[in-house]
PDB file of N, CA and C in Angstrom:
ATOM      1  N   UNK A   1     186.940 -40.300  42.793  1.00  0.00           N
ATOM      2  CA  UNK A   1     187.013 -38.863  43.291  1.00  0.00           C
ATOM      3  C   UNK A   1     185.542 -38.360  43.359  1.00  0.00           C
ATOM      4  N   UNK A   2     185.359 -37.772  44.338  1.00  0.00           N
ATOM      5  CA  UNK A   2     183.837 -37.175  44.500  1.00  0.00           C
ATOM      6  C   UNK A   2     183.698 -35.689  43.952  1.00  0.00           C
ATOM      7  N   UNK A   3     182.634 -35.321  43.219  1.00  0.00           N
ATOM      8  CA  UNK A   3     182.523 -34.245  42.772  1.00  0.00           C
ATOM      9  C   UNK A   3     182.236 -33.283  43.901  1.00  0.00           C
ATOM     10  N   UNK A   4     182.625 -31.908  43.715  1.00  0.00           N
ATOM     11  CA  UNK A   4     182.473 -30.946  44.572  1.00  0.00           C
ATOM     12  C   UNK A   4     181.173 -30.151  44.084  1.00  0.00           C
ATOM     13  N   UNK A   5     180.171 -29.972  44.975  1.00  0.00           N
ATOM     14  CA  UNK A   5     179.057 -29.377  44.878  1.00  0.00           C
ATOM     15  C   UNK A   5     178.660 -28.165  45.689  1.00  0.00           C
ATOM     16  N   UNK A   6     178.308 -26.777  44.899  1.00  0.00           N
ATOM     17  CA  UNK A   6     178.405 -25.767  45.722  1.00  0.00           C
ATOM     18  C   UNK A   6     177.268 -24.924  45.459  1.00  0.00           C
ATOM     19  N   UNK A   7     176.552 -24.300  45.993  1.00  0.00           N
ATOM     20  CA  UNK A   7     175.310 -23.270  45.517  1.00  0.00           C
ATOM     21  C   UNK A   7     175.831 -21.834  46.363  1.00  0.00           C
ATOM     22  N   UNK A   8     175.806 -20.918  45.437  1.00  0.00           N
ATOM     23  CA  UNK A   8     176.045 -19.535  46.019  1.00  0.00           C
ATOM     24  C   UNK A   8     174.787 -19.120  46.436  1.00  0.00           C
ATOM     25  N   UNK A   9     174.549 -19.094  47.895  1.00  0.00           N
ATOM     26  CA  UNK A   9     173.394 -18.458  48.325  1.00  0.00           C
ATOM     27  C   UNK A   9     172.889 -17.176  47.939  1.00  0.00           C
ATOM     28  N   UNK A  10     173.861 -16.405  47.651  1.00  0.00           N
ATOM     29  CA  UNK A  10     173.335 -14.932  47.204  1.00  0.00           C
ATOM     30  C   UNK A  10     173.100 -14.886  45.859  1.00  0.00           C
ATOM     31  N   UNK A  11     172.932 -15.942  45.026  1.00  0.00           N
ATOM     32  CA  UNK A  11     172.582 -15.834  43.469  1.00  0.00           C
ATOM     33  C   UNK A  11     171.540 -16.959  43.155  1.00  0.00           C
ATOM     34  N   UNK A  12     171.150 -17.775  44.364  1.00  0.00           N
ATOM     35  CA  UNK A  12     169.968 -18.672  44.270  1.00  0.00           C
ATOM     36  C   UNK A  12     168.856 -18.143  44.550  1.00  0.00           C
ATOM     37  N   UNK A  13     167.773 -17.758  43.423  1.00  0.00           N
ATOM     38  CA  UNK A  13     166.454 -17.065  43.793  1.00  0.00           C
ATOM     39  C   UNK A  13     165.516 -17.844  44.833  1.00  0.00           C
ATOM     40  N   UNK A  14     165.173 -16.945  45.652  1.00  0.00           N
ATOM     41  CA  UNK A  14     164.234 -17.627  46.724  1.00  0.00           C
ATOM     42  C   UNK A  14     162.945 -18.463  46.295  1.00  0.00           C
ATOM     43  N   UNK A  15     162.612 -17.887  44.780  1.00  0.00           N
ATOM     44  CA  UNK A  15     161.551 -18.903  44.017  1.00  0.00           C
ATOM     45  C   UNK A  15     161.992 -20.362  43.831  1.00  0.00           C
ATOM     46  N   UNK A  16     163.142 -20.259  43.444  1.00  0.00           N
ATOM     47  CA  UNK A  16     163.790 -21.644  43.193  1.00  0.00           C
ATOM     48  C   UNK A  16     164.023 -22.400  44.498  1.00  0.00           C
ATOM     49  N   UNK A  17     164.373 -22.031  45.472  1.00  0.00           N
ATOM     50  CA  UNK A  17     164.263 -22.707  46.815  1.00  0.00           C
ATOM     51  C   UNK A  17     162.821 -23.324  47.131  1.00  0.00           C
ATOM     52  N   UNK A  18     161.898 -22.381  46.989  1.00  0.00           N
ATOM     53  CA  UNK A  18     160.540 -22.647  47.348  1.00  0.00           C
ATOM     54  C   UNK A  18     159.823 -23.976  46.171  1.00  0.00           C
ATOM     55  N   UNK A  19     160.549 -23.804  45.120  1.00  0.00           N
ATOM     56  CA  UNK A  19     160.096 -24.752  44.136  1.00  0.00           C
ATOM     57  C   UNK A  19     160.880 -26.197  44.607  1.00  0.00           C
ATOM     58  N   UNK A  20     162.114 -26.054  44.955  1.00  0.00           N
ATOM     59  CA  UNK A  20     162.695 -27.170  45.462  1.00  0.00           C
ATOM     60  C   UNK A  20     162.123 -28.046  46.620  1.00  0.00           C
ATOM     61  N   UNK A  21     161.954 -27.066  47.424  1.00  0.00           N
ATOM     62  CA  UNK A  21     161.470 -27.685  48.695  1.00  0.00           C
ATOM     63  C   UNK A  21     159.872 -28.494  48.515  1.00  0.00           C
ATOM     64  N   UNK A  22     159.380 -27.648  47.632  1.00  0.00           N
ATOM     65  CA  UNK A  22     157.840 -28.270  47.238  1.00  0.00           C
ATOM     66  C   UNK A  22     157.951 -29.778  46.565  1.00  0.00           C
ATOM     67  N   UNK A  23     159.041 -29.861  45.703  1.00  0.00           N
ATOM     68  CA  UNK A  23     159.169 -31.138  45.206  1.00  0.00           C
ATOM     69  C   UNK A  23     160.057 -32.269  45.740  1.00  0.00           C
ATOM     70  N   UNK A  24     160.483 -31.782  47.060  1.00  0.00           N
ATOM     71  CA  UNK A  24     161.458 -32.735  47.801  1.00  0.00           C
ATOM     72  C   UNK A  24     160.303 -33.390  48.867  1.00  0.00           C
ATOM     73  N   UNK A  25     160.819 -34.651  49.028  1.00  0.00           N
ATOM     74  CA  UNK A  25     160.531 -35.659  50.072  1.00  0.00           C
ATOM     75  C   UNK A  25     161.338 -35.321  51.280  1.00  0.00           C
ATOM     76  N   UNK A  26     160.932 -34.817  52.001  1.00  0.00           N
ATOM     77  CA  UNK A  26     161.726 -34.338  53.340  1.00  0.00           C
ATOM     78  C   UNK A  26     161.503 -35.371  54.432  1.00  0.00           C
ATOM     79  N   UNK A  27     162.708 -35.750  55.387  1.00  0.00           N
ATOM     80  CA  UNK A  27     162.338 -36.325  56.452  1.00  0.00           C
ATOM     81  C   UNK A  27     161.420 -35.664  57.487  1.00  0.00           C
ATOM     82  N   UNK A  28     160.886 -36.309  58.314  1.00  0.00           N
ATOM     83  CA  UNK A  28     159.750 -35.826  59.416  1.00  0.00           C
ATOM     84  C   UNK A  28     160.302 -34.397  59.935  1.00  0.00           C
ATOM     85  N   UNK A  29     161.637 -34.271  60.433  1.00  0.00           N
ATOM     86  CA  UNK A  29     162.044 -33.011  61.174  1.00  0.00           C
ATOM     87  C   UNK A  29     161.781 -31.656  60.298  1.00  0.00           C
ATOM     88  N   UNK A  30     162.368 -31.633  59.076  1.00  0.00           N
ATOM     89  CA  UNK A  30     162.339 -30.585  58.210  1.00  0.00           C
ATOM     90  C   UNK A  30     160.916 -30.300  57.448  1.00  0.00           C
ATOM     91  N   UNK A  31     160.083 -31.269  57.809  1.00  0.00           N
ATOM     92  CA  UNK A  31     158.638 -31.143  57.124  1.00  0.00           C
ATOM     93  C   UNK A  31     157.794 -29.787  57.492  1.00  0.00           C
ATOM     94  N   UNK A  32     158.412 -29.173  58.613  1.00  0.00           N
ATOM     95  CA  UNK A  32     157.839 -27.870  58.977  1.00  0.00           C
ATOM     96  C   UNK A  32     158.088 -26.926  57.980  1.00  0.00           C
ATOM     97  N   UNK A  33     159.080 -26.957  57.246  1.00  0.00           N
ATOM     98  CA  UNK A  33     159.445 -26.191  56.109  1.00  0.00           C
ATOM     99  C   UNK A  33     158.541 -25.968  54.938  1.00  0.00           C
ATOM    100  N   UNK A  34     157.450 -27.122  54.966  1.00  0.00           N
ATOM    101  CA  UNK A  34     156.452 -27.230  53.849  1.00  0.00           C
ATOM    102  C   UNK A  34     155.053 -26.570  54.503  1.00  0.00           C
ATOM    103  N   UNK A  35     155.025 -26.631  55.709  1.00  0.00           N
ATOM    104  CA  UNK A  35     153.848 -26.037  56.541  1.00  0.00           C
ATOM    105  C   UNK A  35     153.882 -24.330  56.027  1.00  0.00           C
ATOM    106  N   UNK A  36     152.651 -24.038  55.352  1.00  0.00           N
ATOM    107  CA  UNK A  36     152.474 -22.571  55.098  1.00  0.00           C
ATOM    108  C   UNK A  36     153.720 -21.998  54.388  1.00  0.00           C
ATOM    109  N   UNK A  37     154.241 -22.766  53.401  1.00  0.00           N
ATOM    110  CA  UNK A  37     155.317 -22.228  52.557  1.00  0.00           C
ATOM    111  C   UNK A  37     155.220 -21.184  51.762  1.00  0.00           C
ATOM    112  N   UNK A  38     153.708 -20.977  51.161  1.00  0.00           N
ATOM    113  CA  UNK A  38     153.622 -20.013  50.325  1.00  0.00           C
ATOM    114  C   UNK A  38     153.619 -18.681  51.150  1.00  0.00           C
ATOM    115  N   UNK A  39     152.877 -18.695  52.232  1.00  0.00           N
ATOM    116  CA  UNK A  39     152.683 -17.578  53.038  1.00  0.00           C
ATOM    117  C   UNK A  39     154.045 -17.103  53.616  1.00  0.00           C
ATOM    118  N   UNK A  40     154.844 -17.909  54.013  1.00  0.00           N
ATOM    119  CA  UNK A  40     156.318 -17.596  54.738  1.00  0.00           C
ATOM    120  C   UNK A  40     157.188 -17.095  53.636  1.00  0.00           C
ATOM    121  N   UNK A  41     157.004 -17.552  52.411  1.00  0.00           N
ATOM    122  CA  UNK A  41     157.900 -16.915  51.220  1.00  0.00           C
ATOM    123  C   UNK A  41     157.298 -15.521  51.001  1.00  0.00           C
ATOM    124  N   UNK A  42     156.145 -15.591  50.992  1.00  0.00           N
ATOM    125  CA  UNK A  42     155.608 -13.999  50.605  1.00  0.00           C
ATOM    126  C   UNK A  42     155.937 -13.145  51.657  1.00  0.00           C
ATOM    127  N   UNK A  43     156.200 -13.582  52.902  1.00  0.00           N
ATOM    128  CA  UNK A  43     156.400 -12.665  54.195  1.00  0.00           C
ATOM    129  C   UNK A  43     157.962 -12.025  54.029  1.00  0.00           C
ATOM    130  N   UNK A  44     158.934 -13.228  53.625  1.00  0.00           N
ATOM    131  CA  UNK A  44     160.251 -13.198  53.408  1.00  0.00           C
ATOM    132  C   UNK A  44     160.301 -12.033  52.274  1.00  0.00           C
ATOM    133  N   UNK A  45     159.762 -12.263  51.363  1.00  0.00           N
ATOM    134  CA  UNK A  45     159.969 -11.399  49.968  1.00  0.00           C
ATOM    135  C   UNK A  45     159.386 -10.117  50.383  1.00  0.00           C
ATOM    136  N   UNK A  46     158.201  -9.830  51.025  1.00  0.00           N
ATOM    137  CA  UNK A  46     157.900  -8.627  51.393  1.00  0.00           C
ATOM    138  C   UNK A  46     158.897  -7.965  52.468  1.00  0.00           C
ATOM    139  N   UNK A  47     159.855  -8.370  53.090  1.00  0.00           N
ATOM    140  CA  UNK A  47     160.789  -8.182  53.792  1.00  0.00           C
ATOM    141  C   UNK A  47     162.040  -7.677  52.973  1.00  0.00           C
ATOM    142  N   UNK A  48     162.027  -8.069  51.634  1.00  0.00           N
ATOM    143  CA  UNK A  48     163.265  -7.639  50.721  1.00  0.00           C
ATOM    144  C   UNK A  48     164.272  -8.770  50.458  1.00  0.00           C
ATOM    145  N   UNK A  49     163.743  -9.893  51.296  1.00  0.00           N
ATOM    146  CA  UNK A  49     164.622 -11.023  51.254  1.00  0.00           C
ATOM    147  C   UNK A  49     164.412 -11.734  49.818  1.00  0.00           C
ATOM    148  N   UNK A  50     165.203 -11.863  48.892  1.00  0.00           N
ATOM    149  CA  UNK A  50     164.966 -12.331  47.691  1.00  0.00           C
ATOM    150  C   UNK A  50     166.080 -13.630  47.357  1.00  0.00           C
ATOM    151  N   UNK A  51     167.004 -13.980  48.146  1.00  0.00           N
ATOM    152  CA  UNK A  51     167.875 -15.361  48.079  1.00  0.00           C
ATOM    153  C   UNK A  51     168.314 -15.708  49.418  1.00  0.00           C
ATOM    154  N   UNK A  52     168.534 -16.764  49.461  1.00  0.00           N
ATOM    155  CA  UNK A  52     168.951 -17.691  50.937  1.00  0.00           C
ATOM    156  C   UNK A  52     170.128 -16.838  51.296  1.00  0.00           C
ATOM    157  N   UNK A  53     170.891 -16.181  50.631  1.00  0.00           N
ATOM    158  CA  UNK A  53     171.974 -15.224  51.152  1.00  0.00           C
ATOM    159  C   UNK A  53     171.367 -14.401  51.882  1.00  0.00           C
ATOM    160  N   UNK A  54     170.155 -13.483  51.418  1.00  0.00           N
ATOM    161  CA  UNK A  54     169.863 -12.470  52.164  1.00  0.00           C
ATOM    162  C   UNK A  54     168.798 -12.909  53.338  1.00  0.00           C
ATOM    163  N   UNK A  55     168.601 -14.242  53.285  1.00  0.00           N
ATOM    164  CA  UNK A  55     168.021 -14.773  54.489  1.00  0.00           C
ATOM    165  C   UNK A  55     169.031 -15.210  55.426  1.00  0.00           C
ATOM    166  N   UNK A  56     170.110 -15.581  55.240  1.00  0.00           N
ATOM    167  CA  UNK A  56     171.052 -15.870  56.224  1.00  0.00           C
ATOM    168  C   UNK A  56     171.579 -14.418  56.929  1.00  0.00           C
ATOM    169  N   UNK A  57     171.725 -13.649  56.001  1.00  0.00           N
ATOM    170  CA  UNK A  57     172.376 -12.381  56.610  1.00  0.00           C
ATOM    171  C   UNK A  57     171.182 -11.706  57.269  1.00  0.00           C
ATOM    172  N   UNK A  58     169.939 -11.801  57.133  1.00  0.00           N
ATOM    173  CA  UNK A  58     168.562 -11.276  58.180  1.00  0.00           C
ATOM    174  C   UNK A  58     168.812 -11.927  59.421  1.00  0.00           C
ATOM    175  N   UNK A  59     169.247 -13.553  59.236  1.00  0.00           N
ATOM    176  CA  UNK A  59     169.192 -14.152  60.685  1.00  0.00           C
ATOM    177  C   UNK A  59     170.269 -14.084  61.463  1.00  0.00           C
ATOM    178  N   UNK A  60     171.488 -13.348  60.994  1.00  0.00           N
ATOM    179  CA  UNK A  60     172.548 -13.129  61.543  1.00  0.00           C
ATOM    180  C   UNK A  60     172.328 -11.648  62.361  1.00  0.00           C
ATOM    181  N   UNK A  61     171.391 -10.940  61.763  1.00  0.00           N
ATOM    182  CA  UNK A  61     171.218  -9.652  62.452  1.00  0.00           C
ATOM    183  C   UNK A  61     170.044  -9.590  63.369  1.00  0.00           C
ATOM    184  N   UNK A  62     170.425  -9.230  64.531  1.00  0.00           N
ATOM    185  CA  UNK A  62     169.210  -9.554  65.582  1.00  0.00           C
ATOM    186  C   UNK A  62     168.166  -8.551  65.304  1.00  0.00           C
ATOM    187  N   UNK A  63     168.455  -7.396  65.094  1.00  0.00           N
ATOM    188  CA  UNK A  63     167.317  -6.366  64.613  1.00  0.00           C
ATOM    189  C   UNK A  63     166.459  -6.551  63.391  1.00  0.00           C
ATOM    190  N   UNK A  64     167.018  -7.423  62.519  1.00  0.00           N
ATOM    191  CA  UNK A  64     166.338  -7.923  61.259  1.00  0.00           C
ATOM    192  C   UNK A  64     165.427  -9.195  61.918  1.00  0.00           C
ATOM    193  N   UNK A  65     165.985 -10.199  62.553  1.00  0.00           N
ATOM    194  CA  UNK A  65     165.720 -11.216  62.880  1.00  0.00           C
ATOM    195  C   UNK A  65     164.195 -11.102  63.758  1.00  0.00           C
ATOM    196  N   UNK A  66     164.201 -10.124  64.656  1.00  0.00           N
ATOM    197  CA  UNK A  66     163.135 -10.003  65.501  1.00  0.00           C
ATOM    198  C   UNK A  66     161.801  -9.324  64.819  1.00  0.00           C
ATOM    199  N   UNK A  67     162.326  -8.391  63.433  1.00  0.00           N
ATOM    200  CA  UNK A  67     161.016  -8.005  62.871  1.00  0.00           C
ATOM    201  C   UNK A  67     160.531  -9.178  61.845  1.00  0.00           C
ATOM    202  N   UNK A  68     161.364  -9.946  61.439  1.00  0.00           N
ATOM    203  CA  UNK A  68     160.606 -11.220  60.527  1.00  0.00           C
ATOM    204  C   UNK A  68     159.752 -11.983  61.596  1.00  0.00           C
ATOM    205  N   UNK A  69     160.400 -12.420  62.717  1.00  0.00           N
ATOM    206  CA  UNK A  69     159.684 -13.474  63.312  1.00  0.00           C
ATOM    207  C   UNK A  69     158.387 -12.980  64.311  1.00  0.00           C
ATOM    208  N   UNK A  70     158.459 -11.483  64.202  1.00  0.00           N
ATOM    209  CA  UNK A  70     157.383 -11.001  65.030  1.00  0.00           C
ATOM    210  C   UNK A  70     155.976 -10.581  64.092  1.00  0.00           C
ATOM    211  N   UNK A  71     156.113 -10.872  63.090  1.00  0.00           N
ATOM    212  CA  UNK A  71     155.150 -10.724  62.024  1.00  0.00           C
ATOM    213  C   UNK A  71     154.184 -12.082  62.320  1.00  0.00           C
ATOM    214  N   UNK A  72     152.854 -11.701  62.084  1.00  0.00           N
ATOM    215  CA  UNK A  72     151.747 -12.782  62.291  1.00  0.00           C
ATOM    216  C   UNK A  72     152.320 -13.993  60.939  1.00  0.00           C
ATOM    217  N   UNK A  73     152.075 -14.920  61.159  1.00  0.00           N
ATOM    218  CA  UNK A  73     152.023 -16.168  60.230  1.00  0.00           C
ATOM    219  C   UNK A  73     153.446 -16.609  60.153  1.00  0.00           C
ATOM    220  N   UNK A  74     154.322 -16.119  60.532  1.00  0.00           N
ATOM    221  CA  UNK A  74     155.779 -17.018  60.279  1.00  0.00           C
ATOM    222  C   UNK A  74     156.199 -17.406  61.667  1.00  0.00           C
ATOM    223  N   UNK A  75     156.612 -18.747  61.538  1.00  0.00           N
ATOM    224  CA  UNK A  75     157.004 -19.523  62.789  1.00  0.00           C
ATOM    225  C   UNK A  75     158.621 -19.501  63.080  1.00  0.00           C
ATOM    226  N   UNK A  76     158.932 -19.395  63.968  1.00  0.00           N
ATOM    227  CA  UNK A  76     160.534 -19.464  64.222  1.00  0.00           C
ATOM    228  C   UNK A  76     160.896 -20.867  63.736  1.00  0.00           C
ATOM    229  N   UNK A  77     160.226 -21.825  63.715  1.00  0.00           N
ATOM    230  CA  UNK A  77     160.607 -23.192  63.264  1.00  0.00           C
ATOM    231  C   UNK A  77     160.970 -23.219  61.623  1.00  0.00           C
ATOM    232  N   UNK A  78     160.248 -22.263  60.904  1.00  0.00           N
ATOM    233  CA  UNK A  78     160.476 -22.116  59.682  1.00  0.00           C
ATOM    234  C   UNK A  78     162.013 -21.355  59.459  1.00  0.00           C
TER     235      UNK A  78
END
Protein backbone atom coordinates (compact mmCIF):
# COMPACT_ATOMS: atom_id res chain seq x y z
CA UNK A 1 0.00 0.00 0.00
CA UNK A 2 1.44 3.39 -1.03
CA UNK A 3 1.54 6.25 1.43
CA UNK A 4 -0.43 9.36 0.61
CA UNK A 5 1.57 12.57 0.61
CA UNK A 6 0.02 16.03 0.49
CA UNK A 7 1.33 19.55 1.10
CA UNK A 8 -1.16 22.27 1.89
CA UNK A 9 0.12 25.11 -0.35
CA UNK A 10 -1.54 27.72 1.85
CA UNK A 11 0.45 26.63 4.90
CA UNK A 12 3.83 25.94 3.28
CA UNK A 13 6.05 29.03 3.72
CA UNK A 14 7.59 30.45 0.56
CA UNK A 15 11.00 30.47 2.26
CA UNK A 16 10.74 26.68 2.77
CA UNK A 17 9.94 26.25 -0.93
CA UNK A 18 12.96 28.36 -1.84
CA UNK A 19 15.20 26.29 0.44
CA UNK A 20 13.83 23.04 -1.03
CA UNK A 21 14.44 24.24 -4.60
CA UNK A 22 18.01 25.25 -3.79
CA UNK A 23 18.75 21.85 -2.26
CA UNK A 24 17.30 19.74 -5.09
CA UNK A 25 18.90 18.42 -8.22
CA UNK A 26 16.39 19.35 -10.89
CA UNK A 27 16.02 17.93 -14.37
CA UNK A 28 17.03 20.44 -17.09
CA UNK A 29 13.58 21.91 -17.91
CA UNK A 30 12.80 23.12 -14.34
CA UNK A 31 16.36 24.40 -13.86
CA UNK A 32 15.09 27.91 -14.71
CA UNK A 33 13.48 27.88 -11.25
CA UNK A 34 16.97 28.29 -9.79
CA UNK A 35 17.89 31.20 -12.11
CA UNK A 36 17.75 34.41 -10.02
CA UNK A 37 15.87 32.50 -7.32
CA UNK A 38 16.61 35.00 -4.54
CA UNK A 39 15.50 37.97 -6.67
CA UNK A 40 12.33 36.22 -7.84
CA UNK A 41 11.32 35.27 -4.31
CA UNK A 42 11.97 38.82 -3.08
CA UNK A 43 9.66 40.12 -5.81
CA UNK A 44 6.95 37.61 -4.88
CA UNK A 45 7.24 38.47 -1.19
CA UNK A 46 7.13 42.18 -2.07
CA UNK A 47 3.78 41.51 -3.76
CA UNK A 48 2.48 39.94 -0.55
CA UNK A 49 2.92 36.33 -1.68
CA UNK A 50 3.95 34.32 1.38
CA UNK A 51 2.96 30.75 0.44
CA UNK A 52 2.64 28.67 -2.73
CA UNK A 53 -1.14 28.93 -2.13
CA UNK A 54 -0.89 32.72 -2.43
CA UNK A 55 1.17 32.27 -5.60
CA UNK A 56 -1.41 29.89 -7.13
CA UNK A 57 -4.20 32.35 -6.35
CA UNK A 58 -2.21 35.21 -7.91
CA UNK A 59 -1.56 33.17 -11.06
CA UNK A 60 -5.28 32.45 -11.40
CA UNK A 61 -6.12 36.17 -11.23
CA UNK A 62 -5.49 37.93 -14.55
CA UNK A 63 -5.14 41.30 -12.80
CA UNK A 64 -2.48 40.00 -10.43
CA UNK A 65 -0.50 37.94 -12.92
CA UNK A 66 0.10 40.96 -15.17
CA UNK A 67 1.38 42.95 -12.20
CA UNK A 68 3.81 40.25 -11.14
CA UNK A 69 5.30 39.54 -14.55
CA UNK A 70 5.45 43.17 -15.65
CA UNK A 71 7.99 43.87 -12.90
CA UNK A 72 11.61 44.04 -13.99
CA UNK A 73 13.63 41.01 -12.97
CA UNK A 74 10.98 38.28 -12.98
CA UNK A 75 10.50 36.00 -15.96
CA UNK A 76 7.29 34.31 -17.07
CA UNK A 77 9.32 31.08 -17.13
CA UNK A 78 9.66 31.33 -13.35
